Amino acid sequence: MSDEVQNPPAGDDAGIPLPPPSFTFIVLSLRAQAEMQLGLFRFGNEEEEKQPPDLQLARHTIDLMGILLDKSKGNLTLEEQRLLENSLTELRFRFVQISDETAKTTAQKA
């Protein structure tokens, strides 16, 4: 596999330009996925009902980030290390918070 980035052809069908591949992009992509799975992003019309969080999928994504942190120790720049550690800390906190809120909501409905 080549390290060169394949750019789409120019013209109307060129699509959205992609950022260069990087460790930072991987971390930010996984973080955004986890935030969506936790229900922290709302898409579309504000009047639409908020989708419930997918805690199982969010936990899986957060665990993947934890593996990435463990396996990349000693190979990251200080900025990359901080980004990954801070993202994990925040996501884990949010996961616990949303899990508790979901449990309370479920208990109130019962």
C-alpha atoms as a PDB file:
ATOM      1  CA  MET A   1       0.000   0.000   0.000  1.00  0.00           C
ATOM      2  CA  SER A   2       1.355   3.384  -0.937  1.00  0.00           C
ATOM      3  CA  ASP A   3       1.799   6.257   1.502  1.00  0.00           C
ATOM      4  CA  GLU A   4       0.605   8.635  -1.182  1.00  0.00           C
ATOM      5  CA  VAL A   5      -2.866  10.089  -0.766  1.00  0.00           C
ATOM      6  CA  GLN A   6      -5.150   9.338  -3.671  1.00  0.00           C
ATOM      7  CA  ASN A   7      -6.986  12.519  -4.575  1.00  0.00           C
ATOM      8  CA  PRO A   8     -10.344  12.269  -6.328  1.00  0.00           C
ATOM      9  CA  PRO A   9     -10.533  13.614  -9.871  1.00  0.00           C
ATOM     10  CA  ALA A  10     -11.196  17.324 -10.261  1.00  0.00           C
ATOM     11  CA  GLY A  11     -14.573  18.466 -11.446  1.00  0.00           C
ATOM     12  CA  ASP A  12     -18.182  18.273 -10.350  1.00  0.00           C
ATOM     13  CA  ASP A  13     -17.819  14.724  -8.977  1.00  0.00           C
ATOM     14  CA  ALA A  14     -14.714  15.560  -6.931  1.00  0.00           C
ATOM     15  CA  GLY A  15     -16.617  15.344  -3.622  1.00  0.00           C
ATOM     16  CA  ILE A  16     -15.452  16.772  -0.345  1.00  0.00           C
ATOM     17  CA  PRO A  17     -11.682  17.101  -0.022  1.00  0.00           C
ATOM     18  CA  LEU A  18     -10.337  14.814   2.670  1.00  0.00           C
ATOM     19  CA  PRO A  19      -7.856  15.959   5.286  1.00  0.00           C
ATOM     20  CA  PRO A  20      -4.452  14.331   5.190  1.00  0.00           C
ATOM     21  CA  PRO A  21      -4.293  11.041   7.078  1.00  0.00           C
ATOM     22  CA  SER A  22      -2.787  11.458  10.540  1.00  0.00           C
ATOM     23  CA  PHE A  23      -2.914  10.057  14.040  1.00  0.00           C
ATOM     24  CA  THR A  24      -4.797  13.175  15.155  1.00  0.00           C
ATOM     25  CA  PHE A  25      -7.449  12.539  12.490  1.00  0.00           C
ATOM     26  CA  ILE A  26      -7.877   8.945  13.705  1.00  0.00           C
ATOM     27  CA  VAL A  27      -8.383  10.102  17.300  1.00  0.00           C
ATOM     28  CA  LEU A  28     -10.795  12.874  16.338  1.00  0.00           C
ATOM     29  CA  SER A  29     -12.775  10.495  14.098  1.00  0.00           C
ATOM     30  CA  LEU A  30     -13.151   7.913  16.853  1.00  0.00           C
ATOM     31  CA  ARG A  31     -14.029  10.632  19.344  1.00  0.00           C
ATOM     32  CA  ALA A  32     -16.754  12.008  17.062  1.00  0.00           C
ATOM     33  CA  GLN A  33     -18.150   8.499  16.566  1.00  0.00           C
ATOM     34  CA  ALA A  34     -18.323   7.926  20.320  1.00  0.00           C
ATOM     35  CA  GLU A  35     -19.972  11.315  20.861  1.00  0.00           C
ATOM     36  CA  MET A  36     -22.611  10.476  18.240  1.00  0.00           C
ATOM     37  CA  GLN A  37     -23.196   7.062  19.802  1.00  0.00           C
ATOM     38  CA  LEU A  38     -23.647   8.738  23.195  1.00  0.00           C
ATOM     39  CA  GLY A  39     -26.260  11.039  21.683  1.00  0.00           C
ATOM     40  CA  LEU A  40     -24.216  14.199  22.150  1.00  0.00           C
ATOM     41  CA  PHE A  41     -24.751  15.350  18.536  1.00  0.00           C
ATOM     42  CA  ARG A  42     -28.139  16.186  17.117  1.00  0.00           C
ATOM     43  CA  PHE A  43     -28.670  16.038  13.384  1.00  0.00           C
ATOM     44  CA  GLY A  44     -31.455  17.394  11.265  1.00  0.00           C
ATOM     45  CA  ASN A  45     -34.499  19.242  12.469  1.00  0.00           C
ATOM     46  CA  GLU A  46     -34.512  20.501  16.066  1.00  0.00           C
ATOM     47  CA  GLU A  47     -38.132  19.354  16.360  1.00  0.00           C
ATOM     48  CA  GLU A  48     -37.191  15.730  15.716  1.00  0.00           C
ATOM     49  CA  GLU A  49     -37.108  13.469  18.733  1.00  0.00           C
ATOM     50  CA  LYS A  50     -33.630  12.886  20.104  1.00  0.00           C
ATOM     51  CA  GLN A  51     -32.343   9.386  19.429  1.00  0.00           C
ATOM     52  CA  PRO A  52     -31.446   7.313  22.498  1.00  0.00           C
ATOM     53  CA  PRO A  53     -27.748   6.672  23.049  1.00  0.00           C
ATOM     54  CA  ASP A  54     -26.246   3.385  21.914  1.00  0.00           C
ATOM     55  CA  LEU A  55     -24.249   2.635  25.051  1.00  0.00           C
ATOM     56  CA  GLN A  56     -22.947  -0.724  23.861  1.00  0.00           C
ATOM     57  CA  LEU A  57     -21.523   0.743  20.662  1.00  0.00           C
ATOM     58  CA  ALA A  58     -20.173   3.797  22.509  1.00  0.00           C
ATOM     59  CA  ARG A  59     -18.393   1.541  25.022  1.00  0.00           C
ATOM     60  CA  HIS A  60     -16.879  -0.433  22.144  1.00  0.00           C
ATOM     61  CA  THR A  61     -15.559   2.721  20.469  1.00  0.00           C
ATOM     62  CA  ILE A  62     -14.149   4.033  23.768  1.00  0.00           C
ATOM     63  CA  ASP A  63     -12.498   0.654  24.384  1.00  0.00           C
ATOM     64  CA  LEU A  64     -10.938   0.814  20.903  1.00  0.00           C
ATOM     65  CA  MET A  65      -9.459   4.184  21.807  1.00  0.00           C
ATOM     66  CA  GLY A  66      -8.096   2.666  25.027  1.00  0.00           C
ATOM     67  CA  ILE A  67      -6.377  -0.068  23.015  1.00  0.00           C
ATOM     68  CA  LEU A  68      -4.955   2.577  20.712  1.00  0.00           C
ATOM     69  CA  LEU A  69      -3.540   4.405  23.740  1.00  0.00           C
ATOM     70  CA  ASP A  70      -1.996   1.231  25.188  1.00  0.00           C
ATOM     71  CA  LYS A  71      -0.485   0.048  21.914  1.00  0.00           C
ATOM     72  CA  SER A  72       0.935   3.440  20.913  1.00  0.00           C
ATOM     73  CA  LYS A  73       2.658   4.274  24.221  1.00  0.00           C
ATOM     74  CA  GLY A  74       6.142   5.622  23.591  1.00  0.00           C
ATOM     75  CA  ASN A  75       5.444   6.300  19.921  1.00  0.00           C
ATOM     76  CA  LEU A  76       3.389   9.498  20.157  1.00  0.00           C
ATOM     77  CA  THR A  77       4.288  13.138  20.293  1.00  0.00           C
ATOM     78  CA  LEU A  78       3.293  14.933  23.468  1.00  0.00           C
ATOM     79  CA  GLU A  79       0.389  16.601  21.643  1.00  0.00           C
ATOM     80  CA  GLU A  80      -0.892  13.286  20.264  1.00  0.00           C
ATOM     81  CA  GLN A  81      -0.607  11.635  23.688  1.00  0.00           C
ATOM     82  CA  ARG A  82      -2.519  14.475  25.363  1.00  0.00           C
ATOM     83  CA  LEU A  83      -5.222  14.506  22.689  1.00  0.00           C
ATOM     84  CA  LEU A  84      -5.850  10.786  23.066  1.00  0.00           C
ATOM     85  CA  GLU A  85      -5.695  10.781  26.880  1.00  0.00           C
ATOM     86  CA  ASN A  86      -7.936  13.850  27.222  1.00  0.00           C
ATOM     87  CA  SER A  87     -10.421  12.477  24.696  1.00  0.00           C
ATOM     88  CA  LEU A  88     -10.602   9.172  26.566  1.00  0.00           C
ATOM     89  CA  THR A  89     -11.033  10.865  29.932  1.00  0.00           C
ATOM     90  CA  GLU A  90     -13.860  13.047  28.666  1.00  0.00           C
ATOM     91  CA  LEU A  91     -15.608  10.221  26.817  1.00  0.00           C
ATOM     92  CA  ARG A  92     -15.415   7.905  29.826  1.00  0.00           C
ATOM     93  CA  PHE A  93     -16.874  10.619  32.052  1.00  0.00           C
ATOM     94  CA  ARG A  94     -19.675  11.287  29.563  1.00  0.00           C
ATOM     95  CA  PHE A  95     -20.353   7.553  29.221  1.00  0.00           C
ATOM     96  CA  VAL A  96     -20.863   7.180  32.977  1.00  0.00           C
ATOM     97  CA  GLN A  97     -22.992  10.328  33.096  1.00  0.00           C
ATOM     98  CA  ILE A  98     -25.238   9.237  30.213  1.00  0.00           C
ATOM     99  CA  SER A  99     -25.462   5.668  31.535  1.00  0.00           C
ATOM    100  CA  ASP A 100     -26.720   7.013  34.859  1.00  0.00           C
ATOM    101  CA  GLU A 101     -29.231   9.318  33.147  1.00  0.00           C
ATOM    102  CA  THR A 102     -30.486   6.465  30.986  1.00  0.00           C
ATOM    103  CA  ALA A 103     -30.882   4.167  33.988  1.00  0.00           C
ATOM    104  CA  LYS A 104     -32.845   6.857  35.885  1.00  0.00           C
ATOM    105  CA  THR A 105     -35.112   7.491  32.896  1.00  0.00           C
ATOM    106  CA  THR A 106     -35.751   3.779  32.470  1.00  0.00           C
ATOM    107  CA  ALA A 107     -36.525   3.386  36.199  1.00  0.00           C
ATOM    108  CA  GLN A 108     -38.991   6.303  36.098  1.00  0.00           C
ATOM    109  CA  LYS A 109     -40.842   4.778  33.134  1.00  0.00           C
ATOM    110  CA  ALA A 110     -41.221   1.446  34.917  1.00  0.00           C
END
